[in-house]
Amino acid sequence: MVSSVFDFALEFVDLESMKGFPIGNVAKVLRVLRVSRVLRLAGKNKNLQALIQTITMSVGALVNVLGLVLLILFMFAVLGVFFFNELTDGEVIDPEYKNFKDFGSAYLLLFAIATGEDWNKLMFDCVDTPPDCVEGETCGTGFAAAFYIMFILVITHIMLNLFILVIIQQFETYYVNPDNPIKTFTENFDVFHECWVKVTDKFHCIKMKERQLVDFFKEMPYPIGMKVQADETRIISD
C-alpha cells in the first residue's frame, strides 16, 4: 500500500531535475522495482505457485549439474593453457583478455565460448602451425580442431541437454504427476491448518493443552491423523 502511494507520488516528480539529490536516485530505483508487482500473481494463481515450487525443487539437482559443468571447464582450461599458452594474437585472441596465458584467462575465455559465441573463430586462431604462423604470437597446434569440437560437443550439447533433462524430470515428479508431492503437501497442510484452528480456537490458535493432542489427531483424517476404529473405543496410530 505504502509503495503504491509513493509510486503514485513519483508520477508528479521530475526525476531528471533531482539527479543531484539522493532522493532522486532512490526514486529511480523504486520506479524500476515496480516490475516486481508481477510477482503478486504468484500468490493468486495456484498453478503458478506450483510451477515456482517445482523450479525451487529443481535447484539442488541443477546445482549438481552446474558443478559438473564447472569441473569440465576446469579440465579444458588446463588443457588450453598447455596447448595454446604462446598464442597472443588472432581474430579473437588478444594479449590482454582473451588468451590462454594463465588458468584464469583460459577459464573465462572457455566460459564465454560455451555459449557458442565465436568458438569457430577462436578455433581457427589456434589451428595454425609453422611455417604458416609467427612463433610466439600466432602459432597453435594441430590438436586445436579436435579440442574445440570436443569442447562444444560436451558443453553445448551433452551438458545443456542434461540441464533440460533434469528440469523435465523434476516437472514430471513435482508438477505433471496428479499425486505429486507438492499437491499432497498442500492438501495435507490445509487439513492440518483447519484442524488446528478448530482445536485451538479458544487460545487464539496459538497453543493447545496436552489433553487436546488426542482430539487434535483424531480430528485429522488418516494418514496424517489417527486411524479410528468403527466403535471409536480404541485408536490405532500408524
Protein backbone atom coordinates (compact mmCIF):
# COMPACT_ATOMS: atom_id res chain seq x y z
CA MET A 1 0.00 0.00 0.00
CA VAL A 2 2.76 2.46 1.01
CA SER A 3 4.84 1.63 -2.07
CA SER A 4 1.81 2.19 -4.31
CA VAL A 5 1.18 5.62 -2.78
CA PHE A 6 4.85 6.53 -3.11
CA ASP A 7 4.90 5.36 -6.71
CA PHE A 8 1.79 7.44 -7.46
CA ALA A 9 3.53 10.50 -5.99
CA LEU A 10 6.54 9.92 -8.25
CA GLU A 11 4.34 10.42 -11.28
CA PHE A 12 4.27 14.15 -10.44
CA VAL A 13 8.02 14.46 -9.82
CA ASP A 14 10.59 15.30 -12.47
CA LEU A 15 13.34 12.78 -11.74
CA GLU A 16 15.76 14.43 -14.16
CA SER A 17 15.78 17.58 -12.03
CA MET A 18 16.58 15.54 -8.91
CA LYS A 19 19.72 13.82 -10.22
CA GLY A 20 21.94 15.68 -7.75
CA PHE A 21 19.90 14.63 -4.71
CA PRO A 22 19.98 11.20 -3.03
CA ILE A 23 16.20 11.05 -3.11
CA GLY A 24 16.38 11.23 -6.89
CA ASN A 25 18.43 8.02 -7.10
CA VAL A 26 16.16 6.31 -4.59
CA ALA A 27 13.12 7.33 -6.60
CA LYS A 28 14.63 5.87 -9.77
CA VAL A 29 15.33 2.58 -8.04
CA LEU A 30 11.81 2.39 -6.66
CA ARG A 31 10.31 3.09 -10.06
CA VAL A 32 12.40 0.32 -11.59
CA LEU A 33 11.26 -2.07 -8.85
CA ARG A 34 7.68 -1.60 -9.96
CA VAL A 35 8.17 -4.60 -12.24
CA SER A 36 8.20 -6.76 -9.09
CA ARG A 37 4.44 -6.28 -8.95
CA VAL A 38 4.21 -9.14 -11.41
CA LEU A 39 5.26 -11.47 -8.58
CA ARG A 40 1.95 -10.77 -6.88
CA LEU A 41 0.33 -13.01 -9.45
CA ALA A 42 2.07 -15.99 -7.88
CA GLY A 43 0.09 -15.52 -4.69
CA LYS A 44 -3.24 -15.61 -6.51
CA ASN A 45 -2.71 -18.38 -9.04
CA LYS A 46 -2.28 -21.90 -7.64
CA ASN A 47 -0.87 -23.27 -10.90
CA LEU A 48 1.77 -20.53 -10.97
CA GLN A 49 2.62 -21.28 -7.35
CA ALA A 50 3.08 -24.95 -8.26
CA LEU A 51 5.40 -24.01 -11.13
CA ILE A 52 7.53 -21.81 -8.89
CA GLN A 53 7.69 -24.54 -6.24
CA THR A 54 8.70 -27.06 -8.90
CA ILE A 55 11.52 -24.82 -10.08
CA THR A 56 12.61 -24.41 -6.45
CA MET A 57 12.69 -28.18 -6.05
CA SER A 58 14.93 -28.37 -9.13
CA VAL A 59 17.61 -26.05 -7.72
CA GLY A 60 19.50 -28.80 -5.89
CA ALA A 61 19.76 -31.05 -8.94
CA LEU A 62 20.68 -28.10 -11.18
CA VAL A 63 23.46 -27.08 -8.79
CA ASN A 64 24.95 -30.57 -9.10
CA VAL A 65 24.87 -30.33 -12.90
CA LEU A 66 26.38 -26.84 -12.74
CA GLY A 67 29.21 -28.19 -10.58
CA LEU A 68 29.89 -30.84 -13.22
CA VAL A 69 29.96 -28.17 -15.94
CA LEU A 70 32.45 -26.08 -13.97
CA LEU A 71 34.62 -29.17 -13.46
CA ILE A 72 34.64 -29.85 -17.20
CA LEU A 73 35.54 -26.22 -17.86
CA PHE A 74 38.38 -26.60 -15.36
CA MET A 75 39.83 -29.58 -17.25
CA PHE A 76 39.57 -27.92 -20.65
CA ALA A 77 41.10 -24.70 -19.26
CA VAL A 78 44.15 -26.65 -18.04
CA LEU A 79 44.49 -28.30 -21.46
CA GLY A 80 44.06 -24.91 -23.16
CA VAL A 81 46.92 -23.41 -21.18
CA PHE A 82 49.09 -26.42 -22.04
CA PHE A 83 48.40 -26.24 -25.78
CA PHE A 84 47.83 -22.52 -26.51
CA ASN A 85 49.73 -20.52 -23.88
CA GLU A 86 52.05 -18.98 -26.51
CA LEU A 87 49.19 -17.54 -28.58
CA THR A 88 48.95 -13.77 -28.18
CA ASP A 89 47.35 -12.55 -31.39
CA GLY A 90 44.47 -13.54 -33.63
CA GLU A 91 40.98 -12.63 -34.75
CA VAL A 92 39.59 -13.40 -31.29
CA ILE A 93 42.71 -13.82 -29.16
CA ASP A 94 44.36 -10.67 -27.84
CA PRO A 95 47.28 -10.17 -25.42
CA GLU A 96 45.15 -8.51 -22.71
CA TYR A 97 41.98 -10.50 -22.02
CA LYS A 98 41.17 -13.29 -24.48
CA ASN A 99 44.10 -15.66 -24.32
CA PHE A 100 45.45 -18.82 -22.70
CA LYS A 101 48.41 -17.28 -20.87
CA ASP A 102 47.17 -18.39 -17.47
CA PHE A 103 44.42 -20.53 -15.99
CA GLY A 104 42.13 -17.62 -15.10
CA SER A 105 42.14 -16.13 -18.60
CA ALA A 106 41.68 -19.56 -20.18
CA TYR A 107 38.75 -20.38 -17.88
CA LEU A 108 36.94 -17.11 -18.65
CA LEU A 109 37.55 -17.48 -22.38
CA LEU A 110 36.18 -21.03 -22.45
CA PHE A 111 33.24 -19.95 -20.32
CA ALA A 112 32.47 -17.25 -22.91
CA ILE A 113 32.59 -19.58 -25.91
CA ALA A 114 30.49 -22.17 -24.04
CA THR A 115 27.51 -20.12 -25.21
CA GLY A 116 28.60 -20.78 -28.81
CA GLU A 117 29.89 -17.25 -29.41
CA ASP A 118 32.78 -17.17 -31.96
CA TRP A 119 34.09 -20.57 -30.93
CA ASN A 120 34.88 -21.39 -34.57
CA LYS A 121 36.89 -18.18 -34.99
CA LEU A 122 38.83 -19.00 -31.83
CA MET A 123 39.49 -22.48 -33.19
CA PHE A 124 40.90 -21.02 -36.43
CA ASP A 125 43.17 -18.74 -34.35
CA CYS A 126 44.63 -21.80 -32.60
CA VAL A 127 44.93 -24.19 -35.53
CA ASP A 128 47.86 -22.53 -37.35
CA THR A 129 51.20 -24.34 -37.18
CA PRO A 130 54.69 -23.50 -38.55
CA PRO A 131 55.58 -22.30 -41.12
CA ASP A 132 52.13 -20.65 -41.51
CA CYS A 133 52.39 -18.67 -38.28
CA VAL A 134 54.64 -16.42 -36.24
CA GLU A 135 56.44 -18.19 -33.39
CA GLY A 136 55.35 -16.91 -30.00
CA GLU A 137 52.37 -14.97 -31.42
CA THR A 138 50.03 -16.89 -33.72
CA CYS A 139 51.27 -20.49 -33.56
CA GLY A 140 48.88 -23.05 -32.11
CA THR A 141 48.68 -26.80 -32.53
CA GLY A 142 47.16 -29.33 -34.89
CA PHE A 143 45.04 -30.64 -32.00
CA ALA A 144 43.07 -27.38 -31.87
CA ALA A 145 40.20 -28.59 -34.09
CA ALA A 146 39.69 -31.75 -32.01
CA PHE A 147 39.99 -29.74 -28.78
CA TYR A 148 37.30 -27.20 -29.67
CA ILE A 149 34.91 -29.64 -31.35
CA MET A 150 35.09 -31.92 -28.32
CA PHE A 151 34.57 -28.93 -26.00
CA ILE A 152 31.48 -27.72 -27.87
CA LEU A 153 30.02 -31.22 -28.07
CA VAL A 154 30.42 -31.80 -24.34
CA ILE A 155 29.38 -28.37 -23.07
CA THR A 156 26.79 -27.18 -25.55
CA HIS A 157 25.08 -30.43 -26.46
CA ILE A 158 25.59 -33.00 -23.70
CA MET A 159 25.55 -30.71 -20.65
CA LEU A 160 22.79 -28.45 -21.99
CA ASN A 161 20.62 -31.48 -22.67
CA LEU A 162 21.41 -32.72 -19.16
CA PHE A 163 20.11 -29.43 -17.73
CA ILE A 164 16.91 -29.81 -19.75
CA LEU A 165 16.57 -33.45 -18.69
CA VAL A 166 16.86 -32.55 -15.01
CA ILE A 167 14.21 -29.84 -15.32
CA ILE A 168 11.81 -32.12 -17.23
CA GLN A 169 12.30 -34.89 -14.68
CA GLN A 170 11.54 -32.51 -11.82
CA PHE A 171 8.41 -31.28 -13.58
CA GLU A 172 7.22 -34.84 -14.12
CA THR A 173 7.80 -35.63 -10.45
CA TYR A 174 6.50 -32.46 -8.79
CA TYR A 175 4.02 -31.00 -11.29
CA VAL A 176 2.72 -33.32 -14.02
CA ASN A 177 2.01 -36.32 -11.77
CA PRO A 178 -1.52 -35.97 -10.29
CA ASP A 179 -0.29 -37.33 -6.94
CA ASN A 180 2.81 -35.16 -6.87
CA PRO A 181 4.44 -34.31 -3.50
CA ILE A 182 3.67 -30.59 -3.79
CA LYS A 183 -0.05 -31.15 -4.25
CA THR A 184 -0.12 -33.76 -1.48
CA PHE A 185 1.73 -31.45 0.91
CA THR A 186 -0.59 -28.53 0.12
CA GLU A 187 -3.71 -30.61 0.71
CA ASN A 188 -2.36 -32.07 3.96
CA PHE A 189 -1.29 -28.64 5.17
CA ASP A 190 -4.77 -27.24 4.53
CA VAL A 191 -6.28 -30.11 6.55
CA PHE A 192 -3.76 -29.57 9.35
CA HIS A 193 -4.47 -25.83 9.39
CA GLU A 194 -8.24 -26.36 9.53
CA CYS A 195 -7.97 -28.85 12.39
CA TRP A 196 -5.50 -26.67 14.28
CA VAL A 197 -7.84 -23.69 14.10
CA LYS A 198 -10.77 -25.81 15.25
CA VAL A 199 -8.97 -27.31 18.28
CA THR A 200 -7.07 -24.18 19.39
CA ASP A 201 -9.77 -21.60 18.76
CA LYS A 202 -10.17 -20.77 22.47
CA PHE A 203 -6.42 -20.00 22.66
CA HIS A 204 -6.48 -17.75 19.57
CA CYS A 205 -4.79 -20.51 17.52
CA ILE A 206 -1.52 -20.05 19.38
CA LYS A 207 -1.33 -23.16 21.56
CA MET A 208 -3.20 -26.19 22.82
CA LYS A 209 -3.32 -28.13 26.07
CA GLU A 210 -1.66 -31.53 26.35
CA ARG A 211 -5.00 -33.26 26.81
CA GLN A 212 -6.16 -31.85 23.46
CA LEU A 213 -3.50 -33.68 21.46
CA VAL A 214 -5.55 -36.85 21.14
CA ASP A 215 -8.59 -34.90 19.95
CA PHE A 216 -6.39 -32.99 17.54
CA PHE A 217 -5.01 -36.14 15.91
CA LYS A 218 -8.48 -37.72 15.90
CA GLU A 219 -9.79 -34.66 14.10
CA MET A 220 -7.32 -35.06 11.23
CA PRO A 221 -8.13 -37.78 8.71
CA TYR A 222 -5.84 -40.71 8.01
CA PRO A 223 -2.91 -40.86 7.01
CA ILE A 224 -1.81 -37.59 8.65
CA GLY A 225 -4.05 -38.24 11.63
CA MET A 226 -5.02 -41.37 13.55
CA LYS A 227 -7.00 -44.27 12.21
CA VAL A 228 -10.03 -44.67 14.43
CA GLN A 229 -11.94 -47.95 14.72
CA ALA A 230 -15.63 -48.04 13.94
CA ASP A 231 -16.64 -48.25 17.60
CA GLU A 232 -14.26 -45.35 18.42
CA THR A 233 -13.16 -47.13 21.59
CA ARG A 234 -9.59 -47.67 20.51
CA ILE A 235 -7.22 -45.53 18.48
CA ILE A 236 -4.58 -47.08 16.30
CA SER A 237 -1.74 -44.78 15.38
CA ASP A 238 0.01 -45.59 12.08
